[in-house]
Amino acid sequence: MATRGSQLKDGFMILSVSGVTTLNTFLSGALTVALPTIGHDLNFSQSALQWPVNGYNLAYGCTLLLFGRLGDTWRTKHVSRWFILVLPMEHCSSRPLI
């Protein structure tokens, strides 16, 4: 039988993974919706509009790999907390300040 502490830990892990997945899906969709405006403001051609999407996916994938490796090397609990803090900051830093 699972203890109360392990049930809370499991619930927190499910909640955090679900939150990060939801955040990634939402921001990918927001970038897709914003692509025409980005292309117009930066005078991108139609073929160059794929670069912002690729840059976002590359940054997300690299961050995920980095924190996955750190989680394997160090204690998973501490690394998952840092990942939950860093991922929203990564998304906010890519927003224009207008």
PDB file of N, CA and C in Angstrom:
ATOM      1  N   MET A   1       0.840  -1.173   0.000  1.00  0.00           N
ATOM      2  CA  MET A   1       0.000   0.000   0.000  1.00  0.00           C
ATOM      3  C   MET A   1       0.891   1.244   0.000  1.00  0.00           C
ATOM      4  N   ALA A   2       0.512   2.201  -0.821  1.00  0.00           N
ATOM      5  CA  ALA A   2       1.298   3.429  -0.939  1.00  0.00           C
ATOM      6  C   ALA A   2       1.034   4.344   0.261  1.00  0.00           C
ATOM      7  N   THR A   3       2.060   5.023   0.673  1.00  0.00           N
ATOM      8  CA  THR A   3       1.914   5.969   1.780  1.00  0.00           C
ATOM      9  C   THR A   3       1.379   7.294   1.255  1.00  0.00           C
ATOM     10  N   ARG A   4       0.963   8.126   2.177  1.00  0.00           N
ATOM     11  CA  ARG A   4       0.417   9.437   1.808  1.00  0.00           C
ATOM     12  C   ARG A   4       1.469  10.294   1.098  1.00  0.00           C
ATOM     13  N   GLY A   5       2.706  10.214   1.569  1.00  0.00           N
ATOM     14  CA  GLY A   5       3.781  10.991   0.950  1.00  0.00           C
ATOM     15  C   GLY A   5       4.063  10.565  -0.476  1.00  0.00           C
ATOM     16  N   SER A   6       4.047   9.261  -0.738  1.00  0.00           N
ATOM     17  CA  SER A   6       4.316   8.800  -2.097  1.00  0.00           C
ATOM     18  C   SER A   6       3.155   9.130  -3.028  1.00  0.00           C
ATOM     19  N   GLN A   7       1.915   9.141  -2.498  1.00  0.00           N
ATOM     20  CA  GLN A   7       0.773   9.529  -3.318  1.00  0.00           C
ATOM     21  C   GLN A   7       0.850  11.012  -3.700  1.00  0.00           C
ATOM     22  N   LEU A   8       1.260  11.844  -2.758  1.00  0.00           N
ATOM     23  CA  LEU A   8       1.441  13.265  -3.065  1.00  0.00           C
ATOM     24  C   LEU A   8       2.545  13.475  -4.083  1.00  0.00           C
ATOM     25  N   LYS A   9       3.624  12.736  -3.919  1.00  0.00           N
ATOM     26  CA  LYS A   9       4.758  12.841  -4.845  1.00  0.00           C
ATOM     27  C   LYS A   9       4.328  12.425  -6.252  1.00  0.00           C
ATOM     28  N   ASP A  10       3.579  11.324  -6.354  1.00  0.00           N
ATOM     29  CA  ASP A  10       3.096  10.874  -7.656  1.00  0.00           C
ATOM     30  C   ASP A  10       2.127  11.884  -8.268  1.00  0.00           C
ATOM     31  N   GLY A  11       1.248  12.430  -7.435  1.00  0.00           N
ATOM     32  CA  GLY A  11       0.306  13.431  -7.929  1.00  0.00           C
ATOM     33  C   GLY A  11       1.005  14.691  -8.418  1.00  0.00           C
ATOM     34  N   PHE A  12       2.038  15.118  -7.682  1.00  0.00           N
ATOM     35  CA  PHE A  12       2.800  16.297  -8.100  1.00  0.00           C
ATOM     36  C   PHE A  12       3.518  16.041  -9.424  1.00  0.00           C
ATOM     37  N   MET A  13       4.063  14.843  -9.593  1.00  0.00           N
ATOM     38  CA  MET A  13       4.770  14.527 -10.841  1.00  0.00           C
ATOM     39  C   MET A  13       3.803  14.511 -12.020  1.00  0.00           C
ATOM     40  N   ILE A  14       2.634  13.920 -11.838  1.00  0.00           N
ATOM     41  CA  ILE A  14       1.633  13.895 -12.913  1.00  0.00           C
ATOM     42  C   ILE A  14       1.165  15.309 -13.233  1.00  0.00           C
ATOM     43  N   LEU A  15       0.934  16.105 -12.202  1.00  0.00           N
ATOM     44  CA  LEU A  15       0.508  17.487 -12.405  1.00  0.00           C
ATOM     45  C   LEU A  15       1.572  18.312 -13.129  1.00  0.00           C
ATOM     46  N   SER A  16       2.825  18.146 -12.752  1.00  0.00           N
ATOM     47  CA  SER A  16       3.890  18.930 -13.381  1.00  0.00           C
ATOM     48  C   SER A  16       4.104  18.520 -14.836  1.00  0.00           C
ATOM     49  N   VAL A  17       4.086  17.233 -15.133  1.00  0.00           N
ATOM     50  CA  VAL A  17       4.248  16.781 -16.519  1.00  0.00           C
ATOM     51  C   VAL A  17       3.067  17.235 -17.364  1.00  0.00           C
ATOM     52  N   SER A  18       1.858  17.148 -16.807  1.00  0.00           N
ATOM     53  CA  SER A  18       0.685  17.619 -17.539  1.00  0.00           C
ATOM     54  C   SER A  18       0.746  19.125 -17.787  1.00  0.00           C
ATOM     55  N   GLY A  19       1.209  19.872 -16.797  1.00  0.00           N
ATOM     56  CA  GLY A  19       1.327  21.313 -16.958  1.00  0.00           C
ATOM     57  C   GLY A  19       2.337  21.713 -18.011  1.00  0.00           C
ATOM     58  N   VAL A  20       3.479  21.064 -18.009  1.00  0.00           N
ATOM     59  CA  VAL A  20       4.513  21.377 -19.001  1.00  0.00           C
ATOM     60  C   VAL A  20       4.033  21.002 -20.397  1.00  0.00           C
ATOM     61  N   THR A  21       3.362  19.870 -20.529  1.00  0.00           N
ATOM     62  CA  THR A  21       2.844  19.453 -21.829  1.00  0.00           C
ATOM     63  C   THR A  21       1.776  20.423 -22.328  1.00  0.00           C
ATOM     64  N   THR A  22       0.901  20.858 -21.435  1.00  0.00           N
ATOM     65  CA  THR A  22      -0.134  21.824 -21.813  1.00  0.00           C
ATOM     66  C   THR A  22       0.488  23.158 -22.216  1.00  0.00           C
ATOM     67  N   LEU A  23       1.481  23.608 -21.459  1.00  0.00           N
ATOM     68  CA  LEU A  23       2.161  24.860 -21.779  1.00  0.00           C
ATOM     69  C   LEU A  23       2.836  24.776 -23.146  1.00  0.00           C
ATOM     70  N   ASN A  24       3.496  23.666 -23.433  1.00  0.00           N
ATOM     71  CA  ASN A  24       4.161  23.501 -24.722  1.00  0.00           C
ATOM     72  C   ASN A  24       3.152  23.493 -25.867  1.00  0.00           C
ATOM     73  N   THR A  25       2.045  22.798 -25.695  1.00  0.00           N
ATOM     74  CA  THR A  25       1.021  22.742 -26.738  1.00  0.00           C
ATOM     75  C   THR A  25       0.414  24.124 -26.972  1.00  0.00           C
ATOM     76  N   PHE A  26       0.114  24.821 -25.888  1.00  0.00           N
ATOM     77  CA  PHE A  26      -0.467  26.159 -26.016  1.00  0.00           C
ATOM     78  C   PHE A  26       0.482  27.115 -26.727  1.00  0.00           C
ATOM     79  N   LEU A  27       1.757  27.114 -26.340  1.00  0.00           N
ATOM     80  CA  LEU A  27       2.695  28.060 -26.934  1.00  0.00           C
ATOM     81  C   LEU A  27       3.040  27.705 -28.376  1.00  0.00           C
ATOM     82  N   SER A  28       3.036  26.420 -28.718  1.00  0.00           N
ATOM     83  CA  SER A  28       3.227  26.045 -30.120  1.00  0.00           C
ATOM     84  C   SER A  28       2.062  26.548 -30.964  1.00  0.00           C
ATOM     85  N   GLY A  29       0.855  26.411 -30.444  1.00  0.00           N
ATOM     86  CA  GLY A  29      -0.317  26.914 -31.158  1.00  0.00           C
ATOM     87  C   GLY A  29      -0.300  28.425 -31.282  1.00  0.00           C
ATOM     88  N   ALA A  30       0.115  29.103 -30.216  1.00  0.00           N
ATOM     89  CA  ALA A  30       0.184  30.557 -30.250  1.00  0.00           C
ATOM     90  C   ALA A  30       1.209  31.032 -31.276  1.00  0.00           C
ATOM     91  N   LEU A  31       2.316  30.334 -31.375  1.00  0.00           N
ATOM     92  CA  LEU A  31       3.322  30.693 -32.373  1.00  0.00           C
ATOM     93  C   LEU A  31       2.786  30.475 -33.780  1.00  0.00           C
ATOM     94  N   THR A  32       2.051  29.405 -33.990  1.00  0.00           N
ATOM     95  CA  THR A  32       1.470  29.138 -35.305  1.00  0.00           C
ATOM     96  C   THR A  32       0.470  30.225 -35.686  1.00  0.00           C
ATOM     97  N   VAL A  33      -0.319  30.672 -34.735  1.00  0.00           N
ATOM     98  CA  VAL A  33      -1.293  31.736 -35.002  1.00  0.00           C
ATOM     99  C   VAL A  33      -0.579  33.060 -35.267  1.00  0.00           C
ATOM    100  N   ALA A  34       0.539  33.293 -34.596  1.00  0.00           N
ATOM    101  CA  ALA A  34       1.253  34.565 -34.734  1.00  0.00           C
ATOM    102  C   ALA A  34       2.179  34.608 -35.951  1.00  0.00           C
ATOM    103  N   LEU A  35       2.373  33.503 -36.642  1.00  0.00           N
ATOM    104  CA  LEU A  35       3.314  33.480 -37.770  1.00  0.00           C
ATOM    105  C   LEU A  35       3.026  34.513 -38.853  1.00  0.00           C
ATOM    106  N   PRO A  36       1.795  34.699 -39.286  1.00  0.00           N
ATOM    107  CA  PRO A  36       1.576  35.734 -40.320  1.00  0.00           C
ATOM    108  C   PRO A  36       1.989  37.133 -39.860  1.00  0.00           C
ATOM    109  N   THR A  37       1.717  37.466 -38.611  1.00  0.00           N
ATOM    110  CA  THR A  37       2.102  38.780 -38.085  1.00  0.00           C
ATOM    111  C   THR A  37       3.614  38.893 -37.980  1.00  0.00           C
ATOM    112  N   ILE A  38       4.265  37.834 -37.525  1.00  0.00           N
ATOM    113  CA  ILE A  38       5.734  37.829 -37.439  1.00  0.00           C
ATOM    114  C   ILE A  38       6.334  38.013 -38.821  1.00  0.00           C
ATOM    115  N   GLY A  39       5.799  37.285 -39.788  1.00  0.00           N
ATOM    116  CA  GLY A  39       6.306  37.393 -41.159  1.00  0.00           C
ATOM    117  C   GLY A  39       6.118  38.776 -41.735  1.00  0.00           C
ATOM    118  N   HIS A  40       4.984  39.395 -41.461  1.00  0.00           N
ATOM    119  CA  HIS A  40       4.720  40.743 -41.973  1.00  0.00           C
ATOM    120  C   HIS A  40       5.630  41.771 -41.308  1.00  0.00           C
ATOM    121  N   ASP A  41       5.766  41.693 -39.973  1.00  0.00           N
ATOM    122  CA  ASP A  41       6.579  42.672 -39.245  1.00  0.00           C
ATOM    123  C   ASP A  41       8.065  42.573 -39.582  1.00  0.00           C
ATOM    124  N   LEU A  42       8.551  41.366 -39.824  1.00  0.00           N
ATOM    125  CA  LEU A  42       9.982  41.173 -40.098  1.00  0.00           C
ATOM    126  C   LEU A  42      10.298  41.043 -41.585  1.00  0.00           C
ATOM    127  N   ASN A  43       9.282  41.224 -42.427  1.00  0.00           N
ATOM    128  CA  ASN A  43       9.442  41.107 -43.877  1.00  0.00           C
ATOM    129  C   ASN A  43      10.033  39.756 -44.285  1.00  0.00           C
ATOM    130  N   PHE A  44       9.523  38.690 -43.661  1.00  0.00           N
ATOM    131  CA  PHE A  44       9.958  37.332 -44.013  1.00  0.00           C
ATOM    132  C   PHE A  44       9.195  36.872 -45.238  1.00  0.00           C
ATOM    133  N   SER A  45       9.866  36.079 -46.052  1.00  0.00           N
ATOM    134  CA  SER A  45       9.158  35.426 -47.148  1.00  0.00           C
ATOM    135  C   SER A  45       8.370  34.245 -46.584  1.00  0.00           C
ATOM    136  N   GLN A  46       7.518  33.679 -47.405  1.00  0.00           N
ATOM    137  CA  GLN A  46       6.696  32.561 -46.953  1.00  0.00           C
ATOM    138  C   GLN A  46       7.556  31.365 -46.540  1.00  0.00           C
ATOM    139  N   SER A  47       8.655  31.137 -47.262  1.00  0.00           N
ATOM    140  CA  SER A  47       9.522  29.998 -46.936  1.00  0.00           C
ATOM    141  C   SER A  47      10.335  30.231 -45.660  1.00  0.00           C
ATOM    142  N   ALA A  48      10.562  31.481 -45.304  1.00  0.00           N
ATOM    143  CA  ALA A  48      11.347  31.780 -44.099  1.00  0.00           C
ATOM    144  C   ALA A  48      10.518  31.726 -42.825  1.00  0.00           C
ATOM    145  N   LEU A  49       9.207  31.576 -42.932  1.00  0.00           N
ATOM    146  CA  LEU A  49       8.357  31.546 -41.735  1.00  0.00           C
ATOM    147  C   LEU A  49       8.540  30.278 -40.908  1.00  0.00           C
ATOM    148  N   GLN A  50       9.166  29.279 -41.461  1.00  0.00           N
ATOM    149  CA  GLN A  50       9.382  28.045 -40.702  1.00  0.00           C
ATOM    150  C   GLN A  50      10.500  28.201 -39.674  1.00  0.00           C
ATOM    151  N   TRP A  51      11.367  29.183 -39.833  1.00  0.00           N
ATOM    152  CA  TRP A  51      12.488  29.363 -38.916  1.00  0.00           C
ATOM    153  C   TRP A  51      12.077  29.657 -37.479  1.00  0.00           C
ATOM    154  N   PRO A  52      11.104  30.529 -37.217  1.00  0.00           N
ATOM    155  CA  PRO A  52      10.709  30.719 -35.810  1.00  0.00           C
ATOM    156  C   PRO A  52      10.164  29.450 -35.153  1.00  0.00           C
ATOM    157  N   VAL A  53       9.425  28.654 -35.917  1.00  0.00           N
ATOM    158  CA  VAL A  53       8.895  27.393 -35.381  1.00  0.00           C
ATOM    159  C   VAL A  53      10.031  26.430 -35.088  1.00  0.00           C
ATOM    160  N   ASN A  54      10.965  26.316 -36.007  1.00  0.00           N
ATOM    161  CA  ASN A  54      12.106  25.415 -35.793  1.00  0.00           C
ATOM    162  C   ASN A  54      12.966  25.875 -34.621  1.00  0.00           C
ATOM    163  N   GLY A  55      13.157  27.184 -34.483  1.00  0.00           N
ATOM    164  CA  GLY A  55      13.939  27.699 -33.359  1.00  0.00           C
ATOM    165  C   GLY A  55      13.274  27.407 -32.022  1.00  0.00           C
ATOM    166  N   TYR A  56      11.957  27.553 -31.967  1.00  0.00           N
ATOM    167  CA  TYR A  56      11.222  27.246 -30.738  1.00  0.00           C
ATOM    168  C   TYR A  56      11.344  25.765 -30.393  1.00  0.00           C
ATOM    169  N   ASN A  57      11.119  24.908 -31.384  1.00  0.00           N
ATOM    170  CA  ASN A  57      11.200  23.465 -31.129  1.00  0.00           C
ATOM    171  C   ASN A  57      12.609  23.041 -30.744  1.00  0.00           C
ATOM    172  N   LEU A  58      13.612  23.643 -31.346  1.00  0.00           N
ATOM    173  CA  LEU A  58      14.996  23.318 -31.008  1.00  0.00           C
ATOM    174  C   LEU A  58      15.325  23.740 -29.575  1.00  0.00           C
ATOM    175  N   ALA A  59      14.906  24.937 -29.183  1.00  0.00           N
ATOM    176  CA  ALA A  59      15.156  25.399 -27.816  1.00  0.00           C
ATOM    177  C   ALA A  59      14.435  24.527 -26.797  1.00  0.00           C
ATOM    178  N   TYR A  60      13.204  24.153 -27.079  1.00  0.00           N
ATOM    179  CA  TYR A  60      12.451  23.292 -26.162  1.00  0.00           C
ATOM    180  C   TYR A  60      13.096  21.913 -26.059  1.00  0.00           C
ATOM    181  N   GLY A  61      13.469  21.345 -27.192  1.00  0.00           N
ATOM    182  CA  GLY A  61      14.085  20.016 -27.191  1.00  0.00           C
ATOM    183  C   GLY A  61      15.424  19.999 -26.473  1.00  0.00           C
ATOM    184  N   CYS A  62      16.235  21.022 -26.687  1.00  0.00           N
ATOM    185  CA  CYS A  62      17.533  21.085 -26.010  1.00  0.00           C
ATOM    186  C   CYS A  62      17.375  21.234 -24.505  1.00  0.00           C
ATOM    187  N   THR A  63      16.406  22.057 -24.089  1.00  0.00           N
ATOM    188  CA  THR A  63      16.154  22.220 -22.654  1.00  0.00           C
ATOM    189  C   THR A  63      15.666  20.915 -22.048  1.00  0.00           C
ATOM    190  N   LEU A  64      14.800  20.217 -22.752  1.00  0.00           N
ATOM    191  CA  LEU A  64      14.288  18.939 -22.261  1.00  0.00           C
ATOM    192  C   LEU A  64      15.409  17.910 -22.143  1.00  0.00           C
ATOM    193  N   LEU A  65      16.287  17.836 -23.133  1.00  0.00           N
ATOM    194  CA  LEU A  65      17.414  16.904 -23.075  1.00  0.00           C
ATOM    195  C   LEU A  65      18.386  17.247 -21.958  1.00  0.00           C
ATOM    196  N   LEU A  66      18.668  18.535 -21.795  1.00  0.00           N
ATOM    197  CA  LEU A  66      19.586  18.961 -20.747  1.00  0.00           C
ATOM    198  C   LEU A  66      19.064  18.574 -19.368  1.00  0.00           C
ATOM    199  N   PHE A  67      17.804  18.895 -19.095  1.00  0.00           N
ATOM    200  CA  PHE A  67      17.264  18.592 -17.778  1.00  0.00           C
ATOM    201  C   PHE A  67      17.003  17.102 -17.597  1.00  0.00           C
ATOM    202  N   GLY A  68      16.753  16.375 -18.670  1.00  0.00           N
ATOM    203  CA  GLY A  68      16.652  14.920 -18.566  1.00  0.00           C
ATOM    204  C   GLY A  68      17.981  14.306 -18.159  1.00  0.00           C
ATOM    205  N   ARG A  69      19.061  14.788 -18.748  1.00  0.00           N
ATOM    206  CA  ARG A  69      20.393  14.289 -18.384  1.00  0.00           C
ATOM    207  C   ARG A  69      20.757  14.667 -16.948  1.00  0.00           C
ATOM    208  N   LEU A  70      20.446  15.902 -16.572  1.00  0.00           N
ATOM    209  CA  LEU A  70      20.703  16.320 -15.198  1.00  0.00           C
ATOM    210  C   LEU A  70      19.884  15.489 -14.210  1.00  0.00           C
ATOM    211  N   GLY A  71      18.664  15.135 -14.585  1.00  0.00           N
ATOM    212  CA  GLY A  71      17.841  14.289 -13.731  1.00  0.00           C
ATOM    213  C   GLY A  71      18.417  12.897 -13.578  1.00  0.00           C
ATOM    214  N   ASP A  72      19.057  12.380 -14.639  1.00  0.00           N
ATOM    215  CA  ASP A  72      19.715  11.077 -14.540  1.00  0.00           C
ATOM    216  C   ASP A  72      20.952  11.147 -13.663  1.00  0.00           C
ATOM    217  N   THR A  73      21.654  12.268 -13.718  1.00  0.00           N
ATOM    218  CA  THR A  73      22.907  12.413 -12.981  1.00  0.00           C
ATOM    219  C   THR A  73      22.678  12.787 -11.525  1.00  0.00           C
ATOM    220  N   TRP A  74      21.806  13.750 -11.282  1.00  0.00           N
ATOM    221  CA  TRP A  74      21.555  14.227  -9.935  1.00  0.00           C
ATOM    222  C   TRP A  74      20.215  13.701  -9.449  1.00  0.00           C
ATOM    223  N   ARG A  75      19.767  14.225  -8.349  1.00  0.00           N
ATOM    224  CA  ARG A  75      18.479  13.806  -7.811  1.00  0.00           C
ATOM    225  C   ARG A  75      17.350  14.350  -8.678  1.00  0.00           C
ATOM    226  N   THR A  76      16.453  13.488  -9.063  1.00  0.00           N
ATOM    227  CA  THR A  76      15.368  13.856  -9.971  1.00  0.00           C
ATOM    228  C   THR A  76      14.459  14.921  -9.382  1.00  0.00           C
ATOM    229  N   LYS A  77      14.242  14.882  -8.081  1.00  0.00           N
ATOM    230  CA  LYS A  77      13.326  15.825  -7.435  1.00  0.00           C
ATOM    231  C   LYS A  77      13.800  17.267  -7.616  1.00  0.00           C
ATOM    232  N   HIS A  78      15.089  17.498  -7.394  1.00  0.00           N
ATOM    233  CA  HIS A  78      15.621  18.852  -7.509  1.00  0.00           C
ATOM    234  C   HIS A  78      15.635  19.328  -8.962  1.00  0.00           C
ATOM    235  N   VAL A  79      15.988  18.450  -9.867  1.00  0.00           N
ATOM    236  CA  VAL A  79      16.069  18.828 -11.279  1.00  0.00           C
ATOM    237  C   VAL A  79      14.683  19.111 -11.838  1.00  0.00           C
ATOM    238  N   SER A  80      13.676  18.329 -11.455  1.00  0.00           N
ATOM    239  CA  SER A  80      12.334  18.585 -11.965  1.00  0.00           C
ATOM    240  C   SER A  80      11.807  19.929 -11.462  1.00  0.00           C
ATOM    241  N   ARG A  81      12.162  20.308 -10.254  1.00  0.00           N
ATOM    242  CA  ARG A  81      11.764  21.628  -9.755  1.00  0.00           C
ATOM    243  C   ARG A  81      12.427  22.739 -10.566  1.00  0.00           C
ATOM    244  N   TRP A  82      13.700  22.573 -10.882  1.00  0.00           N
ATOM    245  CA  TRP A  82      14.396  23.587 -11.681  1.00  0.00           C
ATOM    246  C   TRP A  82      13.808  23.660 -13.087  1.00  0.00           C
ATOM    247  N   PHE A  83      13.467  22.504 -13.659  1.00  0.00           N
ATOM    248  CA  PHE A  83      12.889  22.485 -14.998  1.00  0.00           C
ATOM    249  C   PHE A  83      11.549  23.218 -15.014  1.00  0.00           C
ATOM    250  N   ILE A  84      10.746  23.016 -13.971  1.00  0.00           N
ATOM    251  CA  ILE A  84       9.449  23.686 -13.887  1.00  0.00           C
ATOM    252  C   ILE A  84       9.637  25.190 -13.770  1.00  0.00           C
ATOM    253  N   LEU A  85      10.727  25.640 -13.164  1.00  0.00           N
ATOM    254  CA  LEU A  85      10.997  27.071 -13.052  1.00  0.00           C
ATOM    255  C   LEU A  85      11.610  27.649 -14.330  1.00  0.00           C
ATOM    256  N   VAL A  86      12.490  26.900 -14.984  1.00  0.00           N
ATOM    257  CA  VAL A  86      13.223  27.418 -16.138  1.00  0.00           C
ATOM    258  C   VAL A  86      12.368  27.432 -17.402  1.00  0.00           C
ATOM    259  N   LEU A  87      11.519  26.440 -17.598  1.00  0.00           N
ATOM    260  CA  LEU A  87      10.746  26.367 -18.837  1.00  0.00           C
ATOM    261  C   LEU A  87       9.857  27.592 -19.043  1.00  0.00           C
ATOM    262  N   PRO A  88       9.081  28.029 -18.051  1.00  0.00           N
ATOM    263  CA  PRO A  88       8.302  29.260 -18.286  1.00  0.00           C
ATOM    264  C   PRO A  88       9.180  30.485 -18.518  1.00  0.00           C
ATOM    265  N   MET A  89      10.345  30.555 -17.861  1.00  0.00           N
ATOM    266  CA  MET A  89      11.244  31.690 -18.099  1.00  0.00           C
ATOM    267  C   MET A  89      11.781  31.667 -19.519  1.00  0.00           C
ATOM    268  N   GLU A  90      12.027  30.477 -20.050  1.00  0.00           N
ATOM    269  CA  GLU A  90      12.493  30.361 -21.433  1.00  0.00           C
ATOM    270  C   GLU A  90      11.425  30.872 -22.382  1.00  0.00           C
ATOM    271  N   HIS A  91      10.168  30.536 -22.124  1.00  0.00           N
ATOM    272  CA  HIS A  91       9.080  30.991 -22.982  1.00  0.00           C
ATOM    273  C   HIS A  91       8.877  32.493 -22.856  1.00  0.00           C
ATOM    274  N   CYS A  92       8.966  33.020 -21.648  1.00  0.00           N
ATOM    275  CA  CYS A  92       8.762  34.458 -21.447  1.00  0.00           C
ATOM    276  C   CYS A  92       9.899  35.274 -22.041  1.00  0.00           C
ATOM    277  N   SER A  93      11.112  34.732 -22.036  1.00  0.00           N
ATOM    278  CA  SER A  93      12.242  35.481 -22.585  1.00  0.00           C
ATOM    279  C   SER A  93      12.174  35.586 -24.095  1.00  0.00           C
ATOM    280  N   SER A  94      11.412  34.714 -24.754  1.00  0.00           N
ATOM    281  CA  SER A  94      11.307  34.789 -26.200  1.00  0.00           C
ATOM    282  C   SER A  94      10.189  35.717 -26.653  1.00  0.00           C
ATOM    283  N   ARG A  95       9.402  36.236 -25.705  1.00  0.00           N
ATOM    284  CA  ARG A  95       8.327  37.174 -26.037  1.00  0.00           C
ATOM    285  C   ARG A  95       8.888  38.566 -26.265  1.00  0.00           C
ATOM    286  N   PRO A  96       8.320  39.305 -27.215  1.00  0.00           N
ATOM    287  CA  PRO A  96       8.719  40.703 -27.372  1.00  0.00           C
ATOM    288  C   PRO A  96       8.234  41.526 -26.178  1.00  0.00           C
ATOM    289  N   LEU A  97       8.945  42.560 -25.871  1.00  0.00           N
ATOM    290  CA  LEU A  97       8.625  43.383 -24.704  1.00  0.00           C
ATOM    291  C   LEU A  97       7.712  44.546 -25.059  1.00  0.00           C
ATOM    292  N   ILE A  98       6.958  44.435 -26.115  1.00  0.00           N
ATOM    293  CA  ILE A  98       6.080  45.523 -26.575  1.00  0.00           C
ATOM    294  C   ILE A  98       4.740  45.402 -25.892  1.00  0.00           C
TER     295      ILE A  98
END
